[in-house]
Amino acid sequence: MNLPDWLVKEAWEDFVRMRKAIKKPLTERAMIRSLKKLDALRKEGQDPNAVLDQSVDCCWMDLYPVKNREVTGIQEDYV
């Protein structure tokens, strides 16, 4: 699958691996839809790579705007 230039390959691969690890692998159609969702979030001002990292860190099956770090419990030292 060809990834857009604005997406870090490793961030995408981490998300795909995490989905497999939680036994919810992405179908081809789900990958396309996820990339479209990332593009929409990017156009809203979100960093799509941070969106992927957040989903991986939280083992979320879906993609959401990046939450406030206080809400997610991510400490500044580790980001």
N, C-alpha and C. Protein backbone atom coordinates (compact mmCIF):
# COMPACT_ATOMS: atom_id res chain seq x y z
N MET A 1 0.85 -1.18 0.00
CA MET A 1 0.00 0.00 0.00
C MET A 1 0.89 1.24 0.00
N ASN A 2 0.58 2.16 -0.89
CA ASN A 2 1.33 3.41 -0.96
C ASN A 2 0.82 4.37 0.11
N LEU A 3 1.74 4.88 0.91
CA LEU A 3 1.37 5.83 1.96
C LEU A 3 1.60 7.25 1.48
N PRO A 4 0.80 8.19 1.96
CA PRO A 4 1.00 9.59 1.58
C PRO A 4 2.31 10.13 2.14
N ASP A 5 2.85 11.16 1.51
CA ASP A 5 4.13 11.73 1.93
C ASP A 5 4.10 12.29 3.35
N TRP A 6 2.94 12.72 3.81
CA TRP A 6 2.83 13.34 5.12
C TRP A 6 2.77 12.33 6.27
N LEU A 7 2.77 11.06 5.94
CA LEU A 7 2.67 10.02 6.96
C LEU A 7 4.00 9.31 7.14
N VAL A 8 4.42 9.18 8.39
CA VAL A 8 5.66 8.46 8.71
C VAL A 8 5.37 6.95 8.63
N LYS A 9 6.12 6.28 7.79
CA LYS A 9 5.90 4.84 7.55
C LYS A 9 5.90 4.03 8.85
N GLU A 10 6.83 4.32 9.74
CA GLU A 10 6.95 3.57 10.99
C GLU A 10 5.71 3.76 11.88
N ALA A 11 5.15 4.97 11.89
CA ALA A 11 3.95 5.22 12.69
C ALA A 11 2.79 4.37 12.17
N TRP A 12 2.65 4.33 10.84
CA TRP A 12 1.59 3.51 10.24
C TRP A 12 1.81 2.04 10.54
N GLU A 13 3.04 1.56 10.36
CA GLU A 13 3.34 0.14 10.60
C GLU A 13 3.12 -0.24 12.06
N ASP A 14 3.44 0.67 12.99
CA ASP A 14 3.17 0.41 14.41
C ASP A 14 1.67 0.24 14.66
N PHE A 15 0.87 1.09 14.02
CA PHE A 15 -0.58 1.00 14.17
C PHE A 15 -1.09 -0.34 13.62
N VAL A 16 -0.62 -0.73 12.45
CA VAL A 16 -1.04 -2.00 11.84
C VAL A 16 -0.62 -3.18 12.74
N ARG A 17 0.61 -3.13 13.27
CA ARG A 17 1.08 -4.21 14.16
C ARG A 17 0.26 -4.27 15.44
N MET A 18 -0.05 -3.10 16.00
CA MET A 18 -0.84 -3.08 17.23
C MET A 18 -2.21 -3.69 16.98
N ARG A 19 -2.83 -3.35 15.84
CA ARG A 19 -4.15 -3.91 15.53
C ARG A 19 -4.07 -5.44 15.41
N LYS A 20 -3.00 -5.94 14.83
CA LYS A 20 -2.83 -7.40 14.76
C LYS A 20 -2.64 -7.99 16.14
N ALA A 21 -1.87 -7.30 16.98
CA ALA A 21 -1.58 -7.79 18.33
C ALA A 21 -2.84 -7.88 19.19
N ILE A 22 -3.79 -6.97 18.98
CA ILE A 22 -5.03 -7.02 19.76
C ILE A 22 -6.09 -7.86 19.05
N LYS A 23 -5.65 -8.57 18.02
CA LYS A 23 -6.51 -9.50 17.27
C LYS A 23 -7.67 -8.78 16.57
N LYS A 24 -7.36 -7.58 16.08
CA LYS A 24 -8.31 -6.79 15.28
C LYS A 24 -7.58 -6.26 14.05
N PRO A 25 -7.06 -7.15 13.20
CA PRO A 25 -6.27 -6.70 12.06
C PRO A 25 -7.10 -5.86 11.08
N LEU A 26 -6.42 -4.96 10.42
CA LEU A 26 -7.06 -4.10 9.43
C LEU A 26 -7.22 -4.84 8.11
N THR A 27 -8.40 -4.77 7.54
CA THR A 27 -8.61 -5.27 6.19
C THR A 27 -8.07 -4.21 5.23
N GLU A 28 -7.99 -4.55 3.97
CA GLU A 28 -7.55 -3.58 2.96
C GLU A 28 -8.48 -2.36 2.96
N ARG A 29 -9.77 -2.62 3.02
CA ARG A 29 -10.75 -1.52 3.03
C ARG A 29 -10.59 -0.67 4.29
N ALA A 30 -10.35 -1.31 5.43
CA ALA A 30 -10.17 -0.57 6.68
C ALA A 30 -8.91 0.29 6.62
N MET A 31 -7.87 -0.19 5.96
CA MET A 31 -6.66 0.61 5.80
C MET A 31 -6.94 1.87 4.98
N ILE A 32 -7.67 1.69 3.90
CA ILE A 32 -8.02 2.84 3.05
C ILE A 32 -8.85 3.84 3.83
N ARG A 33 -9.83 3.35 4.57
CA ARG A 33 -10.69 4.23 5.36
C ARG A 33 -9.89 4.93 6.46
N SER A 34 -8.95 4.22 7.08
CA SER A 34 -8.12 4.82 8.12
C SER A 34 -7.24 5.93 7.55
N LEU A 35 -6.69 5.70 6.37
CA LEU A 35 -5.87 6.74 5.73
C LEU A 35 -6.72 7.97 5.39
N LYS A 36 -7.95 7.74 4.95
CA LYS A 36 -8.85 8.87 4.67
C LYS A 36 -9.17 9.63 5.95
N LYS A 37 -9.37 8.90 7.03
CA LYS A 37 -9.66 9.54 8.32
C LYS A 37 -8.45 10.34 8.79
N LEU A 38 -7.25 9.78 8.63
CA LEU A 38 -6.04 10.51 9.00
C LEU A 38 -5.89 11.79 8.17
N ASP A 39 -6.22 11.71 6.90
CA ASP A 39 -6.14 12.89 6.04
C ASP A 39 -7.13 13.96 6.49
N ALA A 40 -8.34 13.54 6.84
CA ALA A 40 -9.34 14.49 7.33
C ALA A 40 -8.87 15.15 8.63
N LEU A 41 -8.30 14.35 9.53
CA LEU A 41 -7.78 14.90 10.79
C LEU A 41 -6.61 15.86 10.52
N ARG A 42 -5.78 15.51 9.55
CA ARG A 42 -4.65 16.37 9.17
C ARG A 42 -5.17 17.71 8.66
N LYS A 43 -6.21 17.69 7.86
CA LYS A 43 -6.78 18.92 7.33
C LYS A 43 -7.44 19.77 8.42
N GLU A 44 -7.76 19.14 9.54
CA GLU A 44 -8.31 19.87 10.69
C GLU A 44 -7.20 20.42 11.59
N GLY A 45 -5.95 20.15 11.22
CA GLY A 45 -4.82 20.67 12.00
C GLY A 45 -4.15 19.66 12.90
N GLN A 46 -4.61 18.42 12.87
CA GLN A 46 -4.01 17.36 13.68
C GLN A 46 -2.75 16.82 12.99
N ASP A 47 -1.80 16.38 13.79
CA ASP A 47 -0.62 15.68 13.27
C ASP A 47 -1.00 14.22 13.11
N PRO A 48 -1.11 13.71 11.88
CA PRO A 48 -1.56 12.32 11.69
C PRO A 48 -0.64 11.30 12.34
N ASN A 49 0.63 11.60 12.44
CA ASN A 49 1.57 10.67 13.08
C ASN A 49 1.33 10.63 14.58
N ALA A 50 1.01 11.76 15.18
CA ALA A 50 0.68 11.79 16.61
C ALA A 50 -0.64 11.07 16.87
N VAL A 51 -1.58 11.18 15.93
CA VAL A 51 -2.85 10.47 16.04
C VAL A 51 -2.58 8.96 16.07
N LEU A 52 -1.73 8.49 15.16
CA LEU A 52 -1.39 7.06 15.13
C LEU A 52 -0.68 6.64 16.42
N ASP A 53 0.28 7.45 16.86
CA ASP A 53 1.01 7.13 18.09
C ASP A 53 0.06 7.03 19.28
N GLN A 54 -0.89 7.96 19.36
CA GLN A 54 -1.86 7.94 20.45
C GLN A 54 -2.68 6.65 20.43
N SER A 55 -3.13 6.25 19.25
CA SER A 55 -3.91 5.01 19.14
C SER A 55 -3.09 3.79 19.52
N VAL A 56 -1.83 3.78 19.13
CA VAL A 56 -0.94 2.67 19.50
C VAL A 56 -0.72 2.66 21.01
N ASP A 57 -0.40 3.82 21.58
CA ASP A 57 -0.13 3.90 23.02
C ASP A 57 -1.32 3.45 23.85
N CYS A 58 -2.53 3.74 23.37
CA CYS A 58 -3.74 3.41 24.12
C CYS A 58 -4.42 2.12 23.65
N CYS A 59 -3.83 1.47 22.64
CA CYS A 59 -4.41 0.26 22.04
C CYS A 59 -5.84 0.51 21.56
N TRP A 60 -6.02 1.66 20.93
CA TRP A 60 -7.33 1.99 20.36
C TRP A 60 -7.43 1.41 18.96
N MET A 61 -8.58 0.88 18.63
CA MET A 61 -8.80 0.33 17.29
C MET A 61 -9.03 1.43 16.26
N ASP A 62 -9.47 2.60 16.70
CA ASP A 62 -9.81 3.67 15.78
C ASP A 62 -8.85 4.84 15.97
N LEU A 63 -9.07 5.87 15.18
CA LEU A 63 -8.20 7.05 15.18
C LEU A 63 -9.01 8.26 15.63
N TYR A 64 -8.45 9.01 16.58
CA TYR A 64 -9.13 10.15 17.16
C TYR A 64 -8.19 11.35 17.21
N PRO A 65 -8.75 12.57 17.27
CA PRO A 65 -7.89 13.74 17.46
C PRO A 65 -7.05 13.55 18.72
N VAL A 66 -5.85 14.09 18.70
CA VAL A 66 -4.96 13.94 19.85
C VAL A 66 -5.59 14.63 21.05
N LYS A 67 -5.65 13.89 22.13
CA LYS A 67 -6.23 14.39 23.37
C LYS A 67 -5.21 15.25 24.10
N ASN A 68 -5.71 16.05 25.00
CA ASN A 68 -4.85 16.82 25.89
C ASN A 68 -3.97 15.85 26.66
N ARG A 69 -2.71 16.15 26.80
CA ARG A 69 -1.78 15.22 27.47
C ARG A 69 -2.17 14.94 28.90
N GLU A 70 -2.80 15.89 29.57
CA GLU A 70 -3.25 15.66 30.94
C GLU A 70 -4.36 14.61 30.96
N VAL A 71 -5.20 14.61 29.94
CA VAL A 71 -6.31 13.66 29.87
C VAL A 71 -5.79 12.26 29.60
N THR A 72 -4.81 12.13 28.70
CA THR A 72 -4.31 10.80 28.34
C THR A 72 -3.28 10.28 29.33
N GLY A 73 -2.77 11.16 30.19
CA GLY A 73 -1.79 10.73 31.17
C GLY A 73 -0.38 10.67 30.60
N ILE A 74 -0.17 11.16 29.39
CA ILE A 74 1.17 11.15 28.80
C ILE A 74 1.95 12.31 29.40
N GLN A 75 3.09 11.99 29.93
CA GLN A 75 3.90 13.02 30.56
C GLN A 75 4.84 13.64 29.54
N GLU A 76 5.07 14.93 29.70
CA GLU A 76 5.92 15.69 28.77
C GLU A 76 7.31 15.07 28.64
N ASP A 77 7.84 14.50 29.72
CA ASP A 77 9.19 13.93 29.68
C ASP A 77 9.30 12.78 28.71
N TYR A 78 8.22 12.10 28.43
CA TYR A 78 8.25 10.90 27.61
C TYR A 78 7.82 11.13 26.17
N VAL A 79 7.47 12.35 25.86
CA VAL A 79 6.99 12.65 24.51
C VAL A 79 8.13 13.16 23.65
